[in-house]
N, C-alpha and C. Protein backbone atom coordinates (compact mmCIF):
# COMPACT_ATOMS: atom_id res chain seq x y z
N UNK A 1 8.97 -6.16 -16.86
CA UNK A 1 8.47 -6.72 -15.45
C UNK A 1 8.01 -5.17 -14.67
N UNK A 2 7.20 -5.33 -13.54
CA UNK A 2 6.77 -4.08 -13.14
C UNK A 2 6.60 -4.42 -11.72
N UNK A 3 7.41 -3.19 -10.71
CA UNK A 3 7.02 -3.54 -9.38
C UNK A 3 6.00 -2.48 -8.81
N UNK A 4 5.25 -2.75 -7.68
CA UNK A 4 4.23 -2.01 -6.98
C UNK A 4 4.70 -1.99 -5.53
N UNK A 5 4.99 -1.07 -5.18
CA UNK A 5 5.40 -0.58 -3.64
C UNK A 5 3.55 0.28 -3.11
N UNK A 6 3.23 -0.42 -2.19
CA UNK A 6 1.87 0.19 -1.53
C UNK A 6 2.35 0.38 0.13
N UNK A 7 2.15 1.91 0.18
CA UNK A 7 2.57 2.54 1.26
C UNK A 7 1.37 2.64 2.22
N UNK A 8 0.82 1.73 3.05
CA UNK A 8 0.04 1.57 4.13
C UNK A 8 0.38 1.97 5.45
N UNK A 9 -0.74 3.00 5.59
CA UNK A 9 -0.32 3.75 7.18
C UNK A 9 -0.87 2.52 8.15
N UNK A 10 -0.10 2.67 9.02
CA UNK A 10 -0.71 1.75 10.53
C UNK A 10 -1.56 2.55 11.90
N UNK A 11 -2.41 3.86 11.46
CA UNK A 11 -3.06 4.30 12.15
C UNK A 11 -3.69 4.97 11.27
N UNK A 12 -5.21 5.08 11.88
CA UNK A 12 -6.22 6.05 11.26
C UNK A 12 -6.08 6.96 11.67
N UNK A 13 -6.51 8.12 10.36
CA UNK A 13 -6.33 9.50 10.98
C UNK A 13 -6.49 10.00 12.53
N UNK A 14 -7.66 9.58 13.47
CA UNK A 14 -7.73 9.66 14.73
C UNK A 14 -7.08 9.41 15.09
N UNK A 15 -5.54 8.36 14.80
CA UNK A 15 -4.33 8.39 15.98
C UNK A 15 -4.35 6.63 16.01
N UNK A 16 -5.94 5.99 16.14
CA UNK A 16 -5.96 4.80 16.66
C UNK A 16 -5.77 4.14 15.31
N UNK A 17 -5.26 2.79 16.37
CA UNK A 17 -4.12 1.65 15.46
C UNK A 17 -5.07 1.16 14.25
N UNK A 18 -4.59 0.47 12.88
CA UNK A 18 -5.31 0.00 11.91
C UNK A 18 -5.13 -1.26 12.63
N UNK A 19 -6.47 -1.83 12.61
CA UNK A 19 -6.39 -3.57 12.99
C UNK A 19 -5.87 -4.11 12.41
N UNK A 20 -4.80 -5.03 13.35
CA UNK A 20 -3.92 -6.00 12.32
C UNK A 20 -4.53 -7.51 11.41
N UNK A 21 -5.46 -7.28 11.68
CA UNK A 21 -6.55 -8.49 10.63
C UNK A 21 -6.70 -7.70 9.57
N UNK A 22 -6.76 -6.59 9.81
CA UNK A 22 -7.16 -5.73 8.33
C UNK A 22 -5.49 -5.98 6.95
N UNK A 23 -4.82 -5.76 7.56
CA UNK A 23 -3.49 -5.74 7.23
C UNK A 23 -3.20 -7.11 6.70
N UNK A 24 -3.50 -8.01 6.99
CA UNK A 24 -3.66 -9.39 7.43
C UNK A 24 -4.59 -9.92 6.06
N UNK A 25 -5.37 -9.32 5.79
CA UNK A 25 -6.32 -9.26 4.81
C UNK A 25 -5.70 -8.44 4.09
N UNK A 26 -4.87 -8.01 3.33
CA UNK A 26 -4.12 -7.50 2.56
C UNK A 26 -3.45 -8.06 2.07
N UNK A 27 -3.05 -8.37 2.79
CA UNK A 27 -1.54 -9.69 2.35
C UNK A 27 -2.13 -10.66 1.63
N UNK A 28 -3.11 -11.18 2.22
CA UNK A 28 -3.93 -12.35 2.17
C UNK A 28 -4.39 -11.67 0.17
N UNK A 29 -4.92 -10.96 0.32
CA UNK A 29 -5.70 -10.13 -1.05
C UNK A 29 -4.28 -10.24 -2.15
N UNK A 30 -3.07 -9.51 -1.71
CA UNK A 30 -1.99 -8.86 -2.42
C UNK A 30 -1.20 -10.32 -3.30
N UNK A 31 -1.39 -11.68 -1.75
CA UNK A 31 -0.40 -12.86 -2.60
C UNK A 31 -1.59 -13.43 -3.38
N UNK A 32 -3.13 -13.20 -3.11
CA UNK A 32 -3.59 -14.35 -4.11
C UNK A 32 -3.85 -13.58 -5.46
N UNK A 33 -3.92 -12.17 -5.45
CA UNK A 33 -3.61 -11.50 -6.80
C UNK A 33 -2.28 -11.93 -7.89
N UNK A 34 -1.27 -11.44 -6.94
CA UNK A 34 0.38 -11.91 -7.57
C UNK A 34 1.00 -13.18 -7.04
N UNK A 35 0.51 -13.70 -6.30
CA UNK A 35 1.11 -15.29 -6.28
C UNK A 35 2.75 -15.13 -5.67
N UNK A 36 3.07 -13.65 -4.84
CA UNK A 36 4.21 -13.29 -3.94
C UNK A 36 4.26 -11.65 -3.65
N UNK A 37 4.83 -12.04 -2.48
CA UNK A 37 4.61 -10.50 -2.10
C UNK A 37 5.75 -10.49 -0.95
N UNK A 38 6.10 -9.48 -0.95
CA UNK A 38 7.16 -8.77 0.08
C UNK A 38 6.79 -7.94 1.01
N UNK A 39 6.71 -7.67 2.19
CA UNK A 39 6.70 -6.92 3.43
C UNK A 39 8.01 -6.62 4.40
N UNK A 40 7.64 -5.12 4.07
CA UNK A 40 8.57 -4.66 4.52
C UNK A 40 7.89 -3.82 6.41
N UNK A 41 7.87 -4.63 7.17
CA UNK A 41 6.98 -4.68 8.48
C UNK A 41 7.57 -3.62 9.67
N UNK A 42 9.33 -3.36 9.30
CA UNK A 42 9.28 -2.38 10.56
C UNK A 42 8.62 -0.92 9.55
N UNK A 43 8.45 -0.06 10.71
CA UNK A 43 7.62 1.46 10.76
C UNK A 43 8.05 2.19 9.99
N UNK A 44 7.70 2.88 8.98
CA UNK A 44 8.53 3.96 8.48
C UNK A 44 7.90 5.32 8.52
N UNK A 45 8.35 6.56 8.46
CA UNK A 45 7.99 7.73 8.65
C UNK A 45 7.40 8.17 7.55
N UNK A 46 6.53 8.51 6.99
CA UNK A 46 6.55 9.56 5.93
C UNK A 46 5.45 10.80 6.47
N UNK A 47 6.01 12.06 5.44
CA UNK A 47 5.83 13.24 5.65
C UNK A 47 5.21 13.80 4.46
N UNK A 48 3.70 14.34 4.38
CA UNK A 48 3.88 15.24 3.42
C UNK A 48 3.21 16.73 3.73
N UNK A 49 3.39 17.79 2.87
CA UNK A 49 2.41 19.16 2.61
C UNK A 49 1.30 19.48 2.26
N UNK A 50 0.21 19.67 3.06
CA UNK A 50 -1.12 20.09 2.18
C UNK A 50 -1.59 20.89 2.52
N UNK A 51 -1.86 22.36 2.03
CA UNK A 51 -2.49 23.69 2.34
C UNK A 51 -1.61 24.15 3.47
N UNK A 52 -0.25 24.10 3.64
CA UNK A 52 0.89 24.58 4.07
C UNK A 52 0.88 24.02 5.79
N UNK A 53 -0.23 22.83 5.73
CA UNK A 53 0.25 21.62 6.94
C UNK A 53 1.12 20.41 6.60
N UNK A 54 1.97 20.15 7.59
CA UNK A 54 2.82 19.07 7.76
C UNK A 54 2.39 17.58 8.02
N UNK A 55 1.96 16.86 7.72
CA UNK A 55 1.38 15.68 7.77
C UNK A 55 2.36 14.56 8.26
N UNK A 56 2.29 13.74 9.44
CA UNK A 56 3.32 12.58 9.15
C UNK A 56 2.37 11.24 9.19
N UNK A 57 2.92 10.23 8.99
CA UNK A 57 2.00 8.69 8.91
C UNK A 57 3.14 7.90 9.03
N UNK A 58 2.77 7.02 10.01
CA UNK A 58 3.53 5.68 10.25
C UNK A 58 3.55 4.77 9.19
N UNK A 59 4.17 4.30 8.70
CA UNK A 59 3.49 3.38 7.33
C UNK A 59 4.19 1.92 7.66
N UNK A 60 3.83 0.99 6.69
CA UNK A 60 4.90 -0.09 6.10
C UNK A 60 4.30 -0.30 4.67
N UNK A 61 5.42 -0.98 4.46
CA UNK A 61 5.56 -1.28 2.77
C UNK A 61 5.27 -2.69 2.37
N UNK A 62 4.12 -2.73 1.05
CA UNK A 62 4.16 -4.02 0.41
C UNK A 62 4.39 -3.73 -0.78
N UNK A 63 5.34 -5.10 -1.37
CA UNK A 63 5.51 -4.97 -2.64
C UNK A 63 5.24 -6.08 -3.66
N UNK A 64 4.90 -5.93 -4.45
CA UNK A 64 4.52 -6.96 -5.25
C UNK A 64 5.19 -6.61 -6.60
N UNK A 65 5.61 -7.68 -7.43
CA UNK A 65 6.28 -7.85 -8.87
C UNK A 65 5.41 -8.81 -9.93
N UNK A 66 4.95 -7.89 -11.29
CA UNK A 66 4.38 -8.88 -12.10
C UNK A 66 4.51 -8.39 -13.75
N UNK A 67 4.56 -9.01 -14.13
CA UNK A 67 4.84 -9.09 -15.66
C UNK A 67 3.47 -8.57 -16.34
N UNK A 68 2.16 -8.67 -15.69
CA UNK A 68 1.48 -7.86 -16.18
C UNK A 68 0.58 -6.51 -15.92
N UNK A 69 0.99 -5.51 -16.51
CA UNK A 69 0.97 -4.50 -16.00
C UNK A 69 -0.61 -3.76 -15.99
N UNK A 70 -1.29 -4.56 -17.42
CA UNK A 70 -2.59 -4.06 -17.26
C UNK A 70 -3.57 -4.38 -16.10
N UNK A 71 -3.24 -5.62 -16.01
CA UNK A 71 -3.97 -6.67 -15.07
C UNK A 71 -3.77 -6.04 -13.54
N UNK A 72 -2.72 -5.87 -13.07
CA UNK A 72 -2.08 -5.26 -12.29
C UNK A 72 -3.06 -3.90 -11.82
N UNK A 73 -2.65 -3.08 -12.69
CA UNK A 73 -3.19 -1.80 -12.51
C UNK A 73 -4.56 -1.89 -12.08
N UNK A 74 -5.60 -2.35 -13.09
CA UNK A 74 -6.41 -2.96 -12.83
C UNK A 74 -7.09 -3.21 -11.29
N UNK A 75 -6.07 -4.13 -10.85
CA UNK A 75 -6.59 -5.01 -9.59
C UNK A 75 -6.22 -3.60 -8.67
N UNK A 76 -5.00 -3.09 -8.58
CA UNK A 76 -4.52 -1.99 -7.76
C UNK A 76 -5.48 -0.82 -7.27
N UNK A 77 -5.79 -0.26 -8.43
CA UNK A 77 -6.91 0.59 -8.82
C UNK A 77 -8.14 0.55 -7.46
N UNK A 78 -8.56 -0.77 -8.08
CA UNK A 78 -9.78 -1.31 -7.04
C UNK A 78 -9.49 -1.43 -5.47
N UNK A 79 -8.37 -1.96 -5.47
CA UNK A 79 -8.15 -2.45 -3.91
C UNK A 79 -7.76 -0.38 -3.26
N UNK A 80 -7.33 -0.02 -4.13
CA UNK A 80 -6.71 1.22 -3.69
C UNK A 80 -8.01 2.04 -3.29
N UNK A 81 -9.37 1.91 -3.95
CA UNK A 81 -10.49 2.80 -3.10
C UNK A 81 -10.98 1.96 -2.06
N UNK A 82 -11.05 0.46 -2.21
CA UNK A 82 -11.13 -0.06 -1.07
C UNK A 82 -10.55 0.18 -0.06
N UNK A 83 -9.55 -0.07 0.00
CA UNK A 83 -8.42 0.91 0.97
C UNK A 83 -8.71 1.71 1.40
N UNK A 84 -8.98 3.20 0.94
CA UNK A 84 -9.15 4.49 1.28
C UNK A 84 -10.38 3.94 2.30
N UNK A 85 -11.36 3.50 1.40
CA UNK A 85 -12.39 3.57 2.32
C UNK A 85 -12.41 2.51 3.98
N UNK A 86 -12.03 1.57 3.68
CA UNK A 86 -11.78 0.60 4.71
C UNK A 86 -10.83 1.09 6.09
N UNK A 87 -9.78 1.69 5.36
CA UNK A 87 -8.74 2.38 6.65
C UNK A 87 -9.35 3.94 6.85
N UNK A 88 -10.03 4.37 6.09
CA UNK A 88 -10.48 6.17 6.72
C UNK A 88 -9.43 7.02 5.90
N UNK A 89 -8.97 6.66 4.99
CA UNK A 89 -7.67 7.32 4.34
C UNK A 89 -8.05 8.25 3.31
N UNK A 90 -7.74 9.49 3.15
CA UNK A 90 -7.90 10.51 2.19
C UNK A 90 -7.18 9.73 0.68
N UNK A 91 -5.99 9.16 0.80
CA UNK A 91 -5.27 8.91 -0.14
C UNK A 91 -4.42 7.51 -0.02
N UNK A 92 -3.96 6.30 -0.64
CA UNK A 92 -3.12 5.42 -0.52
C UNK A 92 -2.22 5.54 -1.02
N UNK A 93 -0.74 5.93 -0.97
CA UNK A 93 0.43 6.21 -2.25
C UNK A 93 0.77 4.42 -2.68
N UNK A 94 0.69 4.44 -4.05
CA UNK A 94 0.83 3.22 -4.67
C UNK A 94 1.84 3.70 -5.77
N UNK A 95 3.20 2.95 -5.56
CA UNK A 95 4.01 3.40 -6.29
C UNK A 95 4.48 2.43 -7.70
N UNK A 96 4.78 2.85 -9.07
CA UNK A 96 4.68 1.64 -10.07
C UNK A 96 6.21 1.79 -10.64
N UNK A 97 6.82 0.80 -11.00
CA UNK A 97 8.28 1.33 -11.05
C UNK A 97 8.61 -0.36 -12.23
N UNK A 98 9.63 0.05 -13.27
CA UNK A 98 10.33 -0.76 -13.96
C UNK A 98 11.07 -1.25 -13.27
N UNK A 99 11.20 -2.89 -13.72
CA UNK A 99 12.39 -3.53 -12.92
C UNK A 99 12.59 -4.84 -14.02
N UNK A 100 14.03 -5.53 -13.68
CA UNK A 100 14.46 -6.38 -14.61
C UNK A 100 14.81 -7.24 -13.63
N UNK A 101 14.32 -8.44 -13.73
CA UNK A 101 15.13 -9.84 -12.64
C UNK A 101 16.05 -10.55 -13.60
N UNK A 102 16.95 -11.11 -12.73
CA UNK A 102 18.45 -11.91 -13.02
C UNK A 102 17.75 -13.22 -13.41
């Protein structure tokens, strides 16, 4: 079983808020593909350094779980490119981990 966390920014790089409709559309896409979804709606801060500059983002996390790694990776790679374009981001962090269910 695989678990995926998508770290989604709440603001565009220019500081304007990501439109709520875009986040709802993402939820619909994930629910449609994985038949389940957990949203951690509380804002989280992410920090990273690049080229000697420290950046900060406010993000929310979307989590999905699936037994089908190959299909999930194919879907999430395509979704990641769509999100980068739609949210005007250089990168979207998606983490994959092994999980077991009881």
